[in-house]
């Protein structure tokens, strides 16, 4: 994977995280500072994203979209991949929390 393609993919994911409230403008700036080192200088949006806090959230979203394009399904999965979800404990009848599939299904390997 080329550096340009990786930057585009990360921009789409960061755009979704920003839109969902899972990333802030400071995180966008840190990412842009690092990504600009890998870029060949052709993506001017990276320089503008280095000043994301000054330009505002809406401008940062536009720049990320210009850089990465429209998000695809996998981008949403990547954006939510780092989210910790807490759920109440529950059980099926006779099954304890934490039971493994091999305990539930005879013959399962």
N, C-alpha and C. Protein backbone atom coordinates (compact mmCIF):
# COMPACT_ATOMS: atom_id res chain seq x y z
N UNK A 1 0.85 -1.17 0.00
CA UNK A 1 0.00 0.00 0.00
C UNK A 1 0.90 1.24 0.00
N UNK A 2 0.56 2.16 -0.87
CA UNK A 2 1.35 3.38 -0.96
C UNK A 2 1.01 4.32 0.19
N UNK A 3 1.90 5.24 0.45
CA UNK A 3 1.66 6.22 1.51
C UNK A 3 0.43 7.06 1.20
N UNK A 4 0.26 7.40 -0.06
CA UNK A 4 -0.89 8.22 -0.46
C UNK A 4 -2.21 7.49 -0.17
N UNK A 5 -2.27 6.23 -0.52
CA UNK A 5 -3.50 5.45 -0.27
C UNK A 5 -3.77 5.29 1.22
N UNK A 6 -2.72 5.05 2.01
CA UNK A 6 -2.89 4.91 3.46
C UNK A 6 -3.41 6.22 4.05
N UNK A 7 -2.88 7.33 3.60
CA UNK A 7 -3.33 8.64 4.09
C UNK A 7 -4.80 8.86 3.72
N UNK A 8 -5.17 8.49 2.51
CA UNK A 8 -6.57 8.64 2.10
C UNK A 8 -7.50 7.80 2.96
N UNK A 9 -7.12 6.55 3.23
CA UNK A 9 -7.94 5.67 4.07
C UNK A 9 -8.06 6.23 5.49
N UNK A 10 -6.95 6.67 6.04
CA UNK A 10 -6.97 7.21 7.40
C UNK A 10 -7.80 8.49 7.46
N UNK A 11 -7.76 9.29 6.41
CA UNK A 11 -8.55 10.52 6.37
C UNK A 11 -10.04 10.21 6.40
N UNK A 12 -10.46 9.19 5.66
CA UNK A 12 -11.88 8.80 5.68
C UNK A 12 -12.31 8.35 7.07
N UNK A 13 -11.48 7.54 7.71
CA UNK A 13 -11.80 7.05 9.05
C UNK A 13 -11.83 8.20 10.05
N UNK A 14 -10.85 9.08 9.99
CA UNK A 14 -10.83 10.23 10.90
C UNK A 14 -12.02 11.15 10.67
N UNK A 15 -12.42 11.31 9.42
CA UNK A 15 -13.60 12.11 9.13
C UNK A 15 -14.85 11.55 9.79
N UNK A 16 -14.99 10.23 9.73
CA UNK A 16 -16.13 9.59 10.40
C UNK A 16 -16.04 9.74 11.92
N UNK A 17 -14.85 9.53 12.46
CA UNK A 17 -14.68 9.67 13.91
C UNK A 17 -14.98 11.08 14.38
N UNK A 18 -14.57 12.07 13.60
CA UNK A 18 -14.85 13.46 13.94
C UNK A 18 -16.35 13.71 13.90
N UNK A 19 -17.01 13.22 12.88
CA UNK A 19 -18.45 13.40 12.74
C UNK A 19 -19.22 12.72 13.86
N UNK A 20 -18.72 11.57 14.34
CA UNK A 20 -19.38 10.82 15.41
C UNK A 20 -18.99 11.28 16.81
N UNK A 21 -18.08 12.23 16.89
CA UNK A 21 -17.63 12.72 18.19
C UNK A 21 -16.61 11.82 18.86
N UNK A 22 -15.95 10.96 18.11
CA UNK A 22 -14.96 10.04 18.65
C UNK A 22 -13.54 10.56 18.49
N UNK A 23 -13.38 11.67 17.82
CA UNK A 23 -12.08 12.32 17.66
C UNK A 23 -12.30 13.82 17.77
N UNK A 24 -11.26 14.52 18.19
CA UNK A 24 -11.35 15.98 18.28
C UNK A 24 -10.35 16.61 17.32
N UNK A 25 -10.39 17.91 17.24
CA UNK A 25 -9.52 18.61 16.30
C UNK A 25 -8.05 18.48 16.64
N UNK A 26 -7.74 18.35 17.91
CA UNK A 26 -6.34 18.15 18.31
C UNK A 26 -5.81 16.82 17.76
N UNK A 27 -6.65 15.79 17.79
CA UNK A 27 -6.24 14.48 17.23
C UNK A 27 -6.03 14.57 15.73
N UNK A 28 -6.88 15.35 15.05
CA UNK A 28 -6.73 15.55 13.61
C UNK A 28 -5.40 16.24 13.32
N UNK A 29 -5.08 17.25 14.12
CA UNK A 29 -3.80 17.96 13.93
C UNK A 29 -2.62 17.03 14.14
N UNK A 30 -2.66 16.20 15.18
CA UNK A 30 -1.56 15.26 15.44
C UNK A 30 -1.40 14.29 14.27
N UNK A 31 -2.53 13.79 13.78
CA UNK A 31 -2.47 12.86 12.65
C UNK A 31 -1.87 13.56 11.42
N UNK A 32 -2.33 14.77 11.13
CA UNK A 32 -1.85 15.49 9.96
C UNK A 32 -0.35 15.79 10.07
N UNK A 33 0.10 16.13 11.27
CA UNK A 33 1.54 16.38 11.47
C UNK A 33 2.36 15.15 11.13
N UNK A 34 1.86 13.97 11.51
CA UNK A 34 2.58 12.73 11.22
C UNK A 34 2.44 12.34 9.75
N UNK A 35 1.24 12.48 9.21
CA UNK A 35 0.99 12.08 7.82
C UNK A 35 1.76 12.94 6.83
N UNK A 36 1.97 14.19 7.16
CA UNK A 36 2.68 15.09 6.24
C UNK A 36 4.13 14.64 6.04
N UNK A 37 4.67 13.92 7.01
CA UNK A 37 6.03 13.40 6.87
C UNK A 37 6.10 12.29 5.83
N UNK A 38 5.00 11.53 5.68
CA UNK A 38 4.96 10.43 4.72
C UNK A 38 4.51 10.88 3.34
N UNK A 39 3.90 12.04 3.25
CA UNK A 39 3.35 12.53 1.99
C UNK A 39 4.46 13.03 1.08
N UNK A 40 4.20 12.97 -0.21
CA UNK A 40 5.18 13.47 -1.19
C UNK A 40 4.99 14.95 -1.50
N UNK A 41 4.13 15.62 -0.76
CA UNK A 41 3.91 17.04 -0.94
C UNK A 41 2.76 17.37 -1.87
N UNK A 42 2.11 16.35 -2.40
CA UNK A 42 1.04 16.60 -3.37
C UNK A 42 -0.31 16.87 -2.72
N UNK A 43 -0.45 16.57 -1.45
CA UNK A 43 -1.75 16.71 -0.79
C UNK A 43 -1.72 17.93 0.13
N UNK A 44 -2.14 19.06 -0.41
CA UNK A 44 -2.08 20.32 0.33
C UNK A 44 -3.08 20.34 1.50
N UNK A 45 -4.09 19.47 1.46
CA UNK A 45 -5.06 19.43 2.56
C UNK A 45 -4.39 19.06 3.87
N UNK A 46 -3.31 18.29 3.82
CA UNK A 46 -2.62 17.91 5.05
C UNK A 46 -2.08 19.14 5.77
N UNK A 47 -1.51 20.07 5.03
CA UNK A 47 -0.98 21.29 5.65
C UNK A 47 -2.11 22.08 6.31
N UNK A 48 -3.26 22.12 5.66
CA UNK A 48 -4.40 22.83 6.23
C UNK A 48 -4.94 22.12 7.47
N UNK A 49 -4.88 20.78 7.48
CA UNK A 49 -5.36 20.02 8.63
C UNK A 49 -4.44 20.16 9.85
N UNK A 50 -3.21 20.56 9.61
CA UNK A 50 -2.29 20.81 10.73
C UNK A 50 -2.77 21.99 11.58
N UNK A 51 -3.68 22.79 11.04
CA UNK A 51 -4.24 23.94 11.75
C UNK A 51 -5.74 23.75 11.99
N UNK A 52 -6.15 22.52 12.22
CA UNK A 52 -7.58 22.20 12.32
C UNK A 52 -8.28 22.95 13.45
N UNK A 53 -7.61 23.14 14.57
CA UNK A 53 -8.27 23.84 15.69
C UNK A 53 -8.56 25.29 15.34
N UNK A 54 -7.70 25.90 14.53
CA UNK A 54 -7.93 27.29 14.15
C UNK A 54 -9.02 27.42 13.09
N UNK A 55 -9.10 26.44 12.21
CA UNK A 55 -10.07 26.55 11.11
C UNK A 55 -11.46 26.05 11.49
N UNK A 56 -11.55 25.18 12.48
CA UNK A 56 -12.85 24.72 12.94
C UNK A 56 -13.22 23.33 12.44
N UNK A 57 -14.24 22.77 13.07
CA UNK A 57 -14.63 21.39 12.79
C UNK A 57 -15.19 21.21 11.38
N UNK A 58 -16.03 22.11 10.95
CA UNK A 58 -16.64 21.99 9.63
C UNK A 58 -15.58 22.03 8.53
N UNK A 59 -14.64 22.93 8.64
CA UNK A 59 -13.56 23.02 7.65
C UNK A 59 -12.70 21.76 7.67
N UNK A 60 -12.43 21.25 8.87
CA UNK A 60 -11.64 20.02 8.98
C UNK A 60 -12.37 18.85 8.32
N UNK A 61 -13.68 18.77 8.51
CA UNK A 61 -14.45 17.70 7.86
C UNK A 61 -14.37 17.81 6.33
N UNK A 62 -14.47 19.03 5.83
CA UNK A 62 -14.39 19.24 4.38
C UNK A 62 -13.01 18.83 3.87
N UNK A 63 -11.95 19.23 4.58
CA UNK A 63 -10.58 18.89 4.15
C UNK A 63 -10.35 17.38 4.19
N UNK A 64 -10.86 16.71 5.22
CA UNK A 64 -10.71 15.26 5.30
C UNK A 64 -11.45 14.59 4.16
N UNK A 65 -12.63 15.10 3.81
CA UNK A 65 -13.39 14.53 2.70
C UNK A 65 -12.67 14.77 1.37
N UNK A 66 -12.07 15.94 1.21
CA UNK A 66 -11.32 16.23 -0.01
C UNK A 66 -10.10 15.31 -0.11
N UNK A 67 -9.51 15.01 1.01
CA UNK A 67 -8.31 14.18 1.04
C UNK A 67 -8.63 12.71 0.82
N UNK A 68 -9.68 12.21 1.49
CA UNK A 68 -9.96 10.78 1.45
C UNK A 68 -11.09 10.34 0.55
N UNK A 69 -11.96 11.27 0.18
CA UNK A 69 -13.12 10.89 -0.62
C UNK A 69 -14.26 10.41 0.26
N UNK A 70 -15.26 9.82 -0.38
CA UNK A 70 -16.43 9.32 0.35
C UNK A 70 -16.08 8.06 1.12
N UNK A 71 -16.56 7.96 2.38
CA UNK A 71 -16.29 6.76 3.16
C UNK A 71 -17.02 5.55 2.59
N UNK A 72 -16.43 4.39 2.80
CA UNK A 72 -17.05 3.12 2.42
C UNK A 72 -17.34 2.33 3.69
N UNK A 73 -18.00 1.19 3.55
CA UNK A 73 -18.45 0.42 4.70
C UNK A 73 -17.32 0.08 5.67
N UNK A 74 -16.19 -0.34 5.14
CA UNK A 74 -15.08 -0.75 6.01
C UNK A 74 -14.57 0.41 6.84
N UNK A 75 -14.71 1.63 6.33
CA UNK A 75 -14.26 2.80 7.08
C UNK A 75 -15.07 2.97 8.36
N UNK A 76 -16.37 2.70 8.28
CA UNK A 76 -17.20 2.79 9.49
C UNK A 76 -16.78 1.75 10.50
N UNK A 77 -16.47 0.55 10.04
CA UNK A 77 -16.01 -0.50 10.95
C UNK A 77 -14.69 -0.09 11.60
N UNK A 78 -13.81 0.50 10.83
CA UNK A 78 -12.52 0.96 11.38
C UNK A 78 -12.72 2.11 12.36
N UNK A 79 -13.66 3.00 12.05
CA UNK A 79 -13.92 4.15 12.93
C UNK A 79 -14.46 3.70 14.27
N UNK A 80 -15.28 2.67 14.27
CA UNK A 80 -15.88 2.19 15.51
C UNK A 80 -15.07 1.09 16.16
N UNK A 81 -14.03 0.63 15.51
CA UNK A 81 -13.23 -0.48 16.01
C UNK A 81 -12.57 -0.23 17.35
N UNK A 82 -12.30 1.01 17.68
CA UNK A 82 -11.61 1.33 18.92
C UNK A 82 -12.57 1.73 20.05
N UNK A 83 -13.87 1.66 19.79
CA UNK A 83 -14.85 2.09 20.77
C UNK A 83 -15.13 0.95 21.75
N UNK A 84 -15.02 1.24 23.02
CA UNK A 84 -15.33 0.26 24.06
C UNK A 84 -16.83 0.34 24.35
N UNK A 85 -17.47 -0.81 24.28
CA UNK A 85 -18.90 -0.87 24.53
C UNK A 85 -19.14 -1.66 25.80
N UNK A 86 -19.85 -1.07 26.72
CA UNK A 86 -20.19 -1.76 27.94
C UNK A 86 -21.64 -2.22 27.85
N UNK A 87 -21.84 -3.50 28.13
CA UNK A 87 -23.19 -4.05 28.08
C UNK A 87 -23.47 -4.77 29.39
N UNK A 88 -24.71 -4.78 29.82
CA UNK A 88 -25.03 -5.50 31.05
C UNK A 88 -24.83 -6.99 30.85
N UNK A 89 -24.52 -7.68 31.93
CA UNK A 89 -24.36 -9.13 31.83
C UNK A 89 -25.72 -9.78 31.69
N UNK A 90 -25.78 -10.81 30.88
CA UNK A 90 -27.01 -11.53 30.69
C UNK A 90 -26.67 -12.98 30.44
N UNK A 91 -27.62 -13.83 30.62
CA UNK A 91 -27.38 -15.26 30.40
C UNK A 91 -28.55 -15.88 29.66
N UNK A 92 -28.21 -16.91 28.91
CA UNK A 92 -29.25 -17.78 28.39
C UNK A 92 -29.58 -18.74 29.52
N UNK A 93 -30.67 -19.39 29.45
CA UNK A 93 -31.04 -20.33 30.49
C UNK A 93 -29.95 -21.38 30.64
N UNK A 94 -29.38 -21.44 31.81
CA UNK A 94 -28.37 -22.46 32.10
C UNK A 94 -26.98 -22.16 31.59
N UNK A 95 -26.74 -21.02 30.98
CA UNK A 95 -25.42 -20.69 30.46
C UNK A 95 -24.85 -19.54 31.27
N UNK A 96 -23.66 -19.73 31.78
CA UNK A 96 -23.03 -18.70 32.60
C UNK A 96 -22.32 -17.68 31.71
N UNK A 97 -22.21 -16.43 32.18
CA UNK A 97 -21.44 -15.44 31.41
C UNK A 97 -20.01 -15.92 31.22
N UNK A 98 -19.47 -15.67 30.05
CA UNK A 98 -18.09 -16.05 29.76
C UNK A 98 -17.95 -17.47 29.23
N UNK A 99 -19.07 -18.19 29.06
CA UNK A 99 -18.98 -19.55 28.53
C UNK A 99 -18.45 -19.50 27.10
N UNK A 100 -17.64 -20.45 26.77
CA UNK A 100 -17.05 -20.52 25.44
C UNK A 100 -17.96 -21.29 24.51
N UNK A 101 -17.81 -21.06 23.22
CA UNK A 101 -18.64 -21.76 22.23
C UNK A 101 -18.48 -23.25 22.35
N UNK A 102 -17.25 -23.71 22.64
CA UNK A 102 -17.04 -25.16 22.76
C UNK A 102 -17.80 -25.74 23.93
N UNK A 103 -18.10 -24.91 24.95
CA UNK A 103 -18.90 -25.37 26.08
C UNK A 103 -20.38 -25.45 25.74
N UNK A 104 -20.80 -24.62 24.79
CA UNK A 104 -22.21 -24.55 24.44
C UNK A 104 -22.61 -25.52 23.34
N UNK A 105 -21.68 -25.79 22.43
CA UNK A 105 -21.98 -26.63 21.27
C UNK A 105 -21.13 -27.88 21.29
N UNK A 106 -21.73 -29.03 21.61
CA UNK A 106 -20.95 -30.28 21.60
C UNK A 106 -20.37 -30.53 20.20
N UNK A 107 -19.13 -30.92 20.16
CA UNK A 107 -18.47 -31.19 18.90
C UNK A 107 -17.85 -29.97 18.25
N UNK A 108 -18.00 -28.79 18.85
CA UNK A 108 -17.40 -27.58 18.29
C UNK A 108 -15.94 -27.54 18.64
N UNK A 109 -15.12 -27.30 17.66
CA UNK A 109 -13.67 -27.25 17.92
C UNK A 109 -13.19 -25.84 17.80
